[in-house]
Amino acid sequence: MPKLRIILKDQLTMDISALSGLCKANDIIFLSERLSDFNNVKHHKKKLILLISAMRHFVNHLKHEGCTVMHEKLQRSEIDLNSKIITTAINYKCDEIVITEPSEYEQMQQILDLQRQSTIHVTIKEDDRYLASKRQFNSWAEGRKELTMEYFYRQMRKQTGLLINDGKPEGNKWN
């Protein structure tokens, strides 16, 4: 059975975890240009045009790659996103909804609501585009009174070896 794969406005890449294991013959990719997603933070009008243009170019790329895409273009009146996702999954007879964890807190709460509301299984995949996962950060932050990011960055440098030379942090090479 097909899977409904949700792509958010800041996840426009074929390398996003929601698309891993994509079956182009069966799966449906869902993208929605939601006015509320673009208005939740003040943006310059040109940036909004750029974001919408990027989404539409990605939709064209997906179609060119042979994917089935359900693309909801910008509209004045919006139906609740979770209702739209569930309706789309039912219409395409999907047995699973797959999404990469959103970067925005409000969107994550919305996806967790979808997971609770839907009779269709919802899989939330980790966003592997970052050096550290949310789980790694939460583990590091647990029990700390202050979250000084410098200390987290130091730990990540030691773990990954990035910006480390001969066991020591690399300094500013322009001094």
N, C-alpha and C. Protein backbone atom coordinates (compact mmCIF):
# COMPACT_ATOMS: atom_id res chain seq x y z
N MET A 1 0.84 -1.19 0.00
CA MET A 1 0.00 0.00 0.00
C MET A 1 0.88 1.25 0.00
N PRO A 2 0.36 2.31 -0.57
CA PRO A 2 1.16 3.54 -0.65
C PRO A 2 1.30 4.23 0.71
N LYS A 3 2.34 5.06 0.78
CA LYS A 3 2.58 5.90 1.95
C LYS A 3 2.39 7.34 1.52
N LEU A 4 1.85 8.15 2.42
CA LEU A 4 1.75 9.58 2.18
C LEU A 4 2.95 10.22 2.85
N ARG A 5 3.81 10.86 2.07
CA ARG A 5 5.04 11.46 2.59
C ARG A 5 4.89 12.97 2.58
N ILE A 6 4.97 13.57 3.77
CA ILE A 6 4.74 15.00 3.95
C ILE A 6 6.08 15.73 3.90
N ILE A 7 6.14 16.80 3.08
CA ILE A 7 7.33 17.64 3.00
C ILE A 7 6.92 19.05 3.40
N LEU A 8 7.63 19.60 4.38
CA LEU A 8 7.35 20.96 4.86
C LEU A 8 8.19 21.98 4.09
N LYS A 9 7.85 23.25 4.26
CA LYS A 9 8.45 24.32 3.44
C LYS A 9 9.96 24.45 3.60
N ASP A 10 10.52 23.98 4.72
CA ASP A 10 11.97 24.07 4.91
C ASP A 10 12.65 22.71 4.75
N GLN A 11 11.99 21.79 4.05
CA GLN A 11 12.53 20.44 3.86
C GLN A 11 12.61 20.07 2.37
N LEU A 12 12.93 21.02 1.54
CA LEU A 12 12.87 20.83 0.09
C LEU A 12 14.14 20.19 -0.45
N THR A 13 14.32 18.90 -0.15
CA THR A 13 15.47 18.16 -0.65
C THR A 13 15.10 16.69 -0.78
N MET A 14 15.67 16.04 -1.76
CA MET A 14 15.43 14.61 -1.93
C MET A 14 16.10 13.80 -0.81
N ASP A 15 17.02 14.44 -0.09
CA ASP A 15 17.75 13.75 0.99
C ASP A 15 17.03 13.80 2.33
N ILE A 16 15.82 14.35 2.38
CA ILE A 16 15.09 14.44 3.65
C ILE A 16 14.65 13.04 4.07
N SER A 17 14.67 12.77 5.37
CA SER A 17 14.38 11.41 5.86
C SER A 17 12.98 10.93 5.52
N ALA A 18 12.03 11.83 5.34
CA ALA A 18 10.67 11.42 4.97
C ALA A 18 10.62 10.76 3.60
N LEU A 19 11.62 11.03 2.77
CA LEU A 19 11.65 10.44 1.43
C LEU A 19 12.55 9.21 1.34
N SER A 20 13.19 8.83 2.46
CA SER A 20 14.03 7.62 2.40
C SER A 20 13.13 6.41 2.22
N GLY A 21 13.51 5.55 1.30
CA GLY A 21 12.71 4.38 0.99
C GLY A 21 11.51 4.69 0.10
N LEU A 22 11.54 5.84 -0.54
CA LEU A 22 10.44 6.27 -1.41
C LEU A 22 10.21 5.27 -2.53
N CYS A 23 8.96 4.88 -2.72
CA CYS A 23 8.57 4.04 -3.85
C CYS A 23 7.82 4.95 -4.83
N LYS A 24 8.51 5.38 -5.88
CA LYS A 24 7.92 6.33 -6.82
C LYS A 24 6.64 5.80 -7.48
N ALA A 25 6.54 4.49 -7.61
CA ALA A 25 5.37 3.90 -8.26
C ALA A 25 4.13 3.95 -7.37
N ASN A 26 4.31 3.96 -6.04
CA ASN A 26 3.16 3.89 -5.14
C ASN A 26 2.96 5.12 -4.26
N ASP A 27 4.05 5.63 -3.70
CA ASP A 27 3.94 6.66 -2.67
C ASP A 27 3.50 8.01 -3.23
N ILE A 28 2.85 8.78 -2.36
CA ILE A 28 2.37 10.11 -2.70
C ILE A 28 3.12 11.11 -1.84
N ILE A 29 3.62 12.18 -2.44
CA ILE A 29 4.32 13.22 -1.72
C ILE A 29 3.38 14.42 -1.61
N PHE A 30 3.20 14.90 -0.39
CA PHE A 30 2.27 15.98 -0.10
C PHE A 30 3.02 17.23 0.32
N LEU A 31 2.76 18.34 -0.37
CA LEU A 31 3.30 19.65 0.00
C LEU A 31 2.16 20.65 0.02
N SER A 32 2.19 21.53 1.01
CA SER A 32 1.12 22.51 1.14
C SER A 32 1.70 23.90 1.36
N GLU A 33 1.25 24.83 0.54
CA GLU A 33 1.63 26.24 0.71
C GLU A 33 0.58 26.85 1.61
N ARG A 34 0.85 26.87 2.90
CA ARG A 34 -0.12 27.36 3.86
C ARG A 34 0.22 28.79 4.26
N LEU A 35 -0.72 29.68 4.08
CA LEU A 35 -0.53 31.08 4.43
C LEU A 35 -0.09 31.22 5.88
N SER A 36 -0.67 30.42 6.76
CA SER A 36 -0.31 30.49 8.19
C SER A 36 1.15 30.11 8.42
N ASP A 37 1.70 29.21 7.62
CA ASP A 37 3.11 28.83 7.75
C ASP A 37 4.04 29.96 7.34
N PHE A 38 3.58 30.79 6.42
CA PHE A 38 4.42 31.88 5.95
C PHE A 38 4.24 33.14 6.80
N ASN A 39 3.14 33.22 7.53
CA ASN A 39 2.85 34.42 8.33
C ASN A 39 3.19 34.27 9.80
N ASN A 40 3.62 33.09 10.25
CA ASN A 40 3.90 32.90 11.67
C ASN A 40 5.10 33.70 12.13
N VAL A 41 5.99 34.06 11.23
CA VAL A 41 7.13 34.93 11.51
C VAL A 41 7.14 36.01 10.43
N LYS A 42 7.42 37.25 10.82
CA LYS A 42 7.45 38.33 9.82
C LYS A 42 8.59 38.10 8.84
N HIS A 43 8.24 38.15 7.56
CA HIS A 43 9.23 38.00 6.50
C HIS A 43 9.05 39.15 5.51
N HIS A 44 10.12 39.49 4.84
CA HIS A 44 10.04 40.44 3.73
C HIS A 44 9.24 39.78 2.62
N LYS A 45 8.47 40.56 1.87
CA LYS A 45 7.64 40.03 0.79
C LYS A 45 8.46 39.24 -0.23
N LYS A 46 9.67 39.72 -0.51
CA LYS A 46 10.52 39.03 -1.49
C LYS A 46 10.95 37.66 -0.97
N LYS A 47 11.15 37.54 0.33
CA LYS A 47 11.51 36.24 0.90
C LYS A 47 10.33 35.27 0.78
N LEU A 48 9.14 35.77 1.01
CA LEU A 48 7.95 34.92 0.87
C LEU A 48 7.83 34.40 -0.56
N ILE A 49 8.06 35.28 -1.53
CA ILE A 49 8.03 34.87 -2.94
C ILE A 49 9.08 33.80 -3.19
N LEU A 50 10.28 34.00 -2.63
CA LEU A 50 11.36 33.03 -2.80
C LEU A 50 10.98 31.67 -2.21
N LEU A 51 10.39 31.66 -1.00
CA LEU A 51 9.98 30.40 -0.37
C LEU A 51 8.94 29.66 -1.21
N ILE A 52 7.94 30.40 -1.66
CA ILE A 52 6.89 29.78 -2.48
C ILE A 52 7.46 29.28 -3.80
N SER A 53 8.32 30.08 -4.42
CA SER A 53 8.97 29.68 -5.67
C SER A 53 9.79 28.41 -5.47
N ALA A 54 10.54 28.35 -4.36
CA ALA A 54 11.35 27.16 -4.08
C ALA A 54 10.47 25.93 -3.94
N MET A 55 9.33 26.07 -3.26
CA MET A 55 8.41 24.93 -3.12
C MET A 55 7.92 24.47 -4.49
N ARG A 56 7.53 25.40 -5.32
CA ARG A 56 6.98 25.04 -6.63
C ARG A 56 8.06 24.43 -7.54
N HIS A 57 9.28 24.92 -7.44
CA HIS A 57 10.37 24.31 -8.21
C HIS A 57 10.63 22.89 -7.72
N PHE A 58 10.56 22.68 -6.40
CA PHE A 58 10.77 21.34 -5.86
C PHE A 58 9.65 20.39 -6.31
N VAL A 59 8.43 20.89 -6.33
CA VAL A 59 7.30 20.08 -6.83
C VAL A 59 7.56 19.67 -8.27
N ASN A 60 8.01 20.62 -9.10
CA ASN A 60 8.32 20.30 -10.50
C ASN A 60 9.44 19.26 -10.60
N HIS A 61 10.45 19.40 -9.74
CA HIS A 61 11.56 18.43 -9.71
C HIS A 61 11.04 17.03 -9.35
N LEU A 62 10.18 16.96 -8.34
CA LEU A 62 9.62 15.67 -7.94
C LEU A 62 8.83 15.03 -9.07
N LYS A 63 8.01 15.83 -9.73
CA LYS A 63 7.23 15.32 -10.86
C LYS A 63 8.14 14.85 -11.99
N HIS A 64 9.18 15.62 -12.27
CA HIS A 64 10.15 15.25 -13.31
C HIS A 64 10.84 13.93 -12.96
N GLU A 65 11.03 13.66 -11.66
CA GLU A 65 11.65 12.42 -11.19
C GLU A 65 10.67 11.24 -11.22
N GLY A 66 9.42 11.51 -11.59
CA GLY A 66 8.44 10.43 -11.70
C GLY A 66 7.63 10.19 -10.44
N CYS A 67 7.65 11.12 -9.53
CA CYS A 67 6.90 10.98 -8.27
C CYS A 67 5.47 11.46 -8.44
N THR A 68 4.57 10.89 -7.66
CA THR A 68 3.20 11.37 -7.58
C THR A 68 3.16 12.43 -6.49
N VAL A 69 2.73 13.63 -6.85
CA VAL A 69 2.77 14.75 -5.92
C VAL A 69 1.38 15.34 -5.74
N MET A 70 0.98 15.52 -4.50
CA MET A 70 -0.24 16.23 -4.14
C MET A 70 0.23 17.59 -3.62
N HIS A 71 0.06 18.62 -4.43
CA HIS A 71 0.56 19.96 -4.10
C HIS A 71 -0.61 20.91 -3.91
N GLU A 72 -0.72 21.45 -2.73
CA GLU A 72 -1.78 22.40 -2.42
C GLU A 72 -1.21 23.81 -2.52
N LYS A 73 -1.63 24.54 -3.55
CA LYS A 73 -1.12 25.90 -3.73
C LYS A 73 -1.78 26.85 -2.75
N LEU A 74 -1.15 28.00 -2.60
CA LEU A 74 -1.60 29.03 -1.67
C LEU A 74 -3.05 29.39 -1.92
N GLN A 75 -3.82 29.45 -0.83
CA GLN A 75 -5.24 29.80 -0.92
C GLN A 75 -5.57 30.77 0.21
N ARG A 76 -6.62 31.57 -0.01
CA ARG A 76 -7.04 32.52 1.04
C ARG A 76 -7.64 31.78 2.23
N SER A 77 -8.55 30.87 1.98
CA SER A 77 -9.15 30.12 3.08
C SER A 77 -8.43 28.78 3.20
N GLU A 78 -8.13 28.43 4.42
CA GLU A 78 -7.37 27.21 4.66
C GLU A 78 -8.18 26.21 5.45
N ILE A 79 -8.11 24.96 5.02
CA ILE A 79 -8.66 23.86 5.80
C ILE A 79 -7.55 23.44 6.75
N ASP A 80 -7.93 22.99 7.94
CA ASP A 80 -6.96 22.52 8.92
C ASP A 80 -6.00 21.53 8.24
N LEU A 81 -4.69 21.75 8.42
CA LEU A 81 -3.69 20.92 7.74
C LEU A 81 -3.84 19.45 8.10
N ASN A 82 -4.05 19.14 9.36
CA ASN A 82 -4.19 17.74 9.75
C ASN A 82 -5.39 17.09 9.07
N SER A 83 -6.49 17.81 8.96
CA SER A 83 -7.67 17.28 8.25
C SER A 83 -7.34 17.02 6.79
N LYS A 84 -6.61 17.95 6.18
CA LYS A 84 -6.22 17.81 4.76
C LYS A 84 -5.31 16.60 4.57
N ILE A 85 -4.36 16.40 5.49
CA ILE A 85 -3.44 15.27 5.40
C ILE A 85 -4.21 13.95 5.53
N ILE A 86 -5.09 13.87 6.52
CA ILE A 86 -5.86 12.64 6.74
C ILE A 86 -6.76 12.36 5.54
N THR A 87 -7.43 13.39 5.03
CA THR A 87 -8.30 13.23 3.85
C THR A 87 -7.50 12.74 2.65
N THR A 88 -6.32 13.33 2.43
CA THR A 88 -5.47 12.93 1.31
C THR A 88 -5.03 11.47 1.48
N ALA A 89 -4.64 11.10 2.69
CA ALA A 89 -4.21 9.72 2.95
C ALA A 89 -5.35 8.73 2.68
N ILE A 90 -6.55 9.10 3.07
CA ILE A 90 -7.71 8.22 2.85
C ILE A 90 -8.02 8.13 1.35
N ASN A 91 -8.02 9.27 0.66
CA ASN A 91 -8.33 9.29 -0.78
C ASN A 91 -7.34 8.46 -1.59
N TYR A 92 -6.07 8.45 -1.20
CA TYR A 92 -5.06 7.68 -1.91
C TYR A 92 -4.87 6.28 -1.32
N LYS A 93 -5.70 5.93 -0.33
CA LYS A 93 -5.66 4.61 0.32
C LYS A 93 -4.27 4.30 0.91
N CYS A 94 -3.70 5.30 1.59
CA CYS A 94 -2.38 5.14 2.20
C CYS A 94 -2.50 4.41 3.54
N ASP A 95 -1.53 3.56 3.82
CA ASP A 95 -1.53 2.84 5.09
C ASP A 95 -0.60 3.49 6.12
N GLU A 96 0.14 4.53 5.69
CA GLU A 96 1.06 5.19 6.60
C GLU A 96 1.30 6.62 6.14
N ILE A 97 1.47 7.52 7.11
CA ILE A 97 1.86 8.90 6.85
C ILE A 97 3.27 9.05 7.40
N VAL A 98 4.19 9.54 6.57
CA VAL A 98 5.59 9.67 6.96
C VAL A 98 5.98 11.15 6.88
N ILE A 99 6.60 11.64 7.95
CA ILE A 99 7.04 13.04 7.97
C ILE A 99 8.35 13.14 8.73
N THR A 100 9.19 14.05 8.30
CA THR A 100 10.41 14.37 9.03
C THR A 100 10.05 15.38 10.11
N GLU A 101 10.62 15.21 11.31
CA GLU A 101 10.28 16.11 12.41
C GLU A 101 10.48 17.56 11.98
N PRO A 102 9.48 18.40 12.25
CA PRO A 102 9.59 19.81 11.88
C PRO A 102 10.64 20.53 12.73
N SER A 103 11.16 21.62 12.19
CA SER A 103 12.14 22.42 12.94
C SER A 103 11.45 23.41 13.86
N GLU A 104 10.18 23.69 13.62
CA GLU A 104 9.44 24.67 14.42
C GLU A 104 8.57 23.96 15.46
N TYR A 105 8.57 24.50 16.67
CA TYR A 105 7.85 23.90 17.80
C TYR A 105 6.36 23.75 17.50
N GLU A 106 5.72 24.81 16.98
CA GLU A 106 4.28 24.78 16.72
C GLU A 106 3.93 23.69 15.70
N GLN A 107 4.76 23.55 14.68
CA GLN A 107 4.52 22.51 13.68
C GLN A 107 4.66 21.13 14.30
N MET A 108 5.63 20.97 15.20
CA MET A 108 5.82 19.67 15.86
C MET A 108 4.59 19.32 16.69
N GLN A 109 4.03 20.30 17.38
CA GLN A 109 2.82 20.05 18.18
C GLN A 109 1.67 19.65 17.26
N GLN A 110 1.59 20.29 16.11
CA GLN A 110 0.54 19.97 15.14
C GLN A 110 0.70 18.53 14.62
N ILE A 111 1.93 18.11 14.37
CA ILE A 111 2.18 16.76 13.89
C ILE A 111 1.89 15.73 14.99
N LEU A 112 2.22 16.06 16.23
CA LEU A 112 1.89 15.16 17.35
C LEU A 112 0.39 15.03 17.50
N ASP A 113 -0.35 16.12 17.26
CA ASP A 113 -1.82 16.05 17.26
C ASP A 113 -2.31 15.14 16.15
N LEU A 114 -1.69 15.25 14.97
CA LEU A 114 -2.05 14.38 13.84
C LEU A 114 -1.84 12.92 14.22
N GLN A 115 -0.73 12.64 14.88
CA GLN A 115 -0.41 11.28 15.30
C GLN A 115 -1.49 10.74 16.26
N ARG A 116 -1.97 11.61 17.14
CA ARG A 116 -3.01 11.20 18.10
C ARG A 116 -4.38 11.05 17.44
N GLN A 117 -4.70 11.92 16.47
CA GLN A 117 -6.02 11.96 15.85
C GLN A 117 -6.24 10.90 14.78
N SER A 118 -5.19 10.57 14.07
CA SER A 118 -5.33 9.74 12.88
C SER A 118 -5.45 8.25 13.21
N THR A 119 -6.30 7.59 12.44
CA THR A 119 -6.38 6.13 12.54
C THR A 119 -5.31 5.49 11.65
N ILE A 120 -4.71 6.30 10.79
CA ILE A 120 -3.62 5.85 9.93
C ILE A 120 -2.31 6.06 10.70
N HIS A 121 -1.42 5.09 10.64
CA HIS A 121 -0.16 5.17 11.37
C HIS A 121 0.67 6.36 10.86
N VAL A 122 1.15 7.19 11.81
CA VAL A 122 1.99 8.35 11.48
C VAL A 122 3.40 8.10 12.00
N THR A 123 4.37 8.09 11.10
CA THR A 123 5.78 7.92 11.46
C THR A 123 6.47 9.27 11.38
N ILE A 124 7.07 9.69 12.51
CA ILE A 124 7.83 10.94 12.54
C ILE A 124 9.30 10.55 12.55
N LYS A 125 9.99 10.87 11.45
CA LYS A 125 11.40 10.51 11.32
C LYS A 125 12.29 11.65 11.81
N GLU A 126 13.44 11.27 12.34
CA GLU A 126 14.41 12.25 12.80
C GLU A 126 14.96 13.03 11.61
N ASP A 127 15.17 14.33 11.81
CA ASP A 127 15.76 15.16 10.77
C ASP A 127 17.27 14.97 10.83
N ASP A 128 17.81 14.21 9.90
CA ASP A 128 19.23 13.86 9.92
C ASP A 128 20.11 14.86 9.15
N ARG A 129 19.58 16.03 8.85
CA ARG A 129 20.37 17.05 8.16
C ARG A 129 21.25 17.84 9.12
N TYR A 130 21.07 17.62 10.41
CA TYR A 130 21.83 18.35 11.41
C TYR A 130 22.93 17.48 11.98
N LEU A 131 23.95 18.11 12.50
CA LEU A 131 25.08 17.41 13.10
C LEU A 131 24.65 16.65 14.36
N ALA A 132 23.78 17.26 15.14
CA ALA A 132 23.28 16.64 16.37
C ALA A 132 21.77 16.52 16.29
N SER A 133 21.25 15.44 16.83
CA SER A 133 19.80 15.26 16.86
C SER A 133 19.21 15.99 18.06
N LYS A 134 17.92 16.19 18.04
CA LYS A 134 17.24 16.79 19.19
C LYS A 134 17.43 15.92 20.42
N ARG A 135 17.42 14.62 20.21
CA ARG A 135 17.62 13.68 21.32
C ARG A 135 19.00 13.87 21.95
N GLN A 136 20.05 14.04 21.13
CA GLN A 136 21.39 14.27 21.66
C GLN A 136 21.44 15.56 22.48
N PHE A 137 20.84 16.61 21.93
CA PHE A 137 20.84 17.88 22.65
C PHE A 137 20.06 17.76 23.96
N ASN A 138 18.88 17.14 23.92
CA ASN A 138 18.08 16.99 25.14
C ASN A 138 18.81 16.18 26.19
N SER A 139 19.54 15.17 25.76
CA SER A 139 20.33 14.36 26.68
C SER A 139 21.41 15.21 27.34
N TRP A 140 22.09 16.03 26.54
CA TRP A 140 23.13 16.91 27.07
C TRP A 140 22.52 17.94 28.02
N ALA A 141 21.34 18.49 27.68
CA ALA A 141 20.72 19.57 28.45
C ALA A 141 20.08 19.09 29.75
N GLU A 142 19.76 17.81 29.82
CA GLU A 142 19.05 17.27 30.99
C GLU A 142 19.82 17.55 32.29
N GLY A 143 19.13 18.16 33.23
CA GLY A 143 19.70 18.42 34.54
C GLY A 143 20.54 19.67 34.64
N ARG A 144 20.78 20.36 33.55
CA ARG A 144 21.59 21.58 33.59
C ARG A 144 20.72 22.77 33.97
N LYS A 145 21.25 23.64 34.78
CA LYS A 145 20.53 24.85 35.17
C LYS A 145 20.61 25.91 34.08
N GLU A 146 21.74 25.97 33.39
CA GLU A 146 21.92 26.92 32.31
C GLU A 146 22.35 26.18 31.05
N LEU A 147 21.85 26.63 29.93
CA LEU A 147 22.19 26.01 28.65
C LEU A 147 23.13 26.94 27.87
N THR A 148 24.39 26.89 28.22
CA THR A 148 25.40 27.66 27.50
C THR A 148 25.82 26.83 26.29
N MET A 149 25.44 27.31 25.12
CA MET A 149 25.63 26.53 23.90
C MET A 149 27.10 26.24 23.62
N GLU A 150 27.99 27.09 24.06
CA GLU A 150 29.42 26.88 23.84
C GLU A 150 29.85 25.50 24.35
N TYR A 151 29.31 25.08 25.50
CA TYR A 151 29.69 23.79 26.08
C TYR A 151 29.15 22.62 25.24
N PHE A 152 27.96 22.80 24.70
CA PHE A 152 27.41 21.77 23.81
C PHE A 152 28.24 21.68 22.54
N TYR A 153 28.62 22.83 21.99
CA TYR A 153 29.43 22.84 20.77
C TYR A 153 30.79 22.18 21.00
N ARG A 154 31.37 22.42 22.17
CA ARG A 154 32.65 21.78 22.49
C ARG A 154 32.50 20.26 22.51
N GLN A 155 31.42 19.80 23.12
CA GLN A 155 31.19 18.35 23.17
C GLN A 155 31.01 17.79 21.76
N MET A 156 30.28 18.49 20.91
CA MET A 156 30.06 18.03 19.55
C MET A 156 31.37 18.01 18.76
N ARG A 157 32.23 18.98 18.99
CA ARG A 157 33.52 19.01 18.29
C ARG A 157 34.35 17.79 18.70
N LYS A 158 34.34 17.46 19.99
CA LYS A 158 35.09 16.29 20.46
C LYS A 158 34.49 15.00 19.89
N GLN A 159 33.17 14.90 19.87
CA GLN A 159 32.51 13.69 19.36
C GLN A 159 32.77 13.48 17.87
N THR A 160 32.71 14.56 17.12
CA THR A 160 32.79 14.44 15.66
C THR A 160 34.20 14.63 15.11
N GLY A 161 35.04 15.30 15.87
CA GLY A 161 36.38 15.61 15.38
C GLY A 161 36.41 16.82 14.47
N LEU A 162 35.27 17.46 14.30
CA LEU A 162 35.22 18.66 13.45
C LEU A 162 35.87 19.84 14.16
N LEU A 163 36.62 20.61 13.41
CA LEU A 163 37.32 21.79 13.92
C LEU A 163 38.28 21.44 15.05
N ILE A 164 38.82 20.22 15.00
CA ILE A 164 39.81 19.76 15.97
C ILE A 164 41.06 19.39 15.16
N ASN A 165 42.21 19.82 15.62
CA ASN A 165 43.47 19.51 14.97
C ASN A 165 44.45 19.03 16.03
N ASP A 166 44.95 17.80 15.87
CA ASP A 166 45.86 17.20 16.85
C ASP A 166 45.27 17.21 18.26
N GLY A 167 43.98 16.92 18.36
CA GLY A 167 43.33 16.83 19.67
C GLY A 167 42.98 18.16 20.29
N LYS A 168 43.27 19.26 19.60
CA LYS A 168 42.99 20.58 20.14
C LYS A 168 42.07 21.34 19.20
N PRO A 169 41.22 22.22 19.76
CA PRO A 169 40.35 23.03 18.90
C PRO A 169 41.17 23.89 17.95
N GLU A 170 40.70 23.98 16.71
CA GLU A 170 41.37 24.84 15.74
C GLU A 170 41.06 26.28 16.09
N GLY A 171 42.06 27.13 16.04
CA GLY A 171 41.88 28.55 16.33
C GLY A 171 41.52 29.31 15.08
N ASN A 172 41.40 30.58 15.24
CA ASN A 172 41.12 31.47 14.13
C ASN A 172 42.39 31.60 13.29
N LYS A 173 42.34 31.17 12.06
CA LYS A 173 43.55 31.14 11.20
C LYS A 173 43.85 32.50 10.59
N TRP A 174 42.99 33.49 10.85
CA TRP A 174 43.23 34.79 10.26
C TRP A 174 43.94 35.74 11.22
N ASN A 175 44.23 35.30 12.43
CA ASN A 175 44.93 36.15 13.41
C ASN A 175 46.42 36.03 13.25
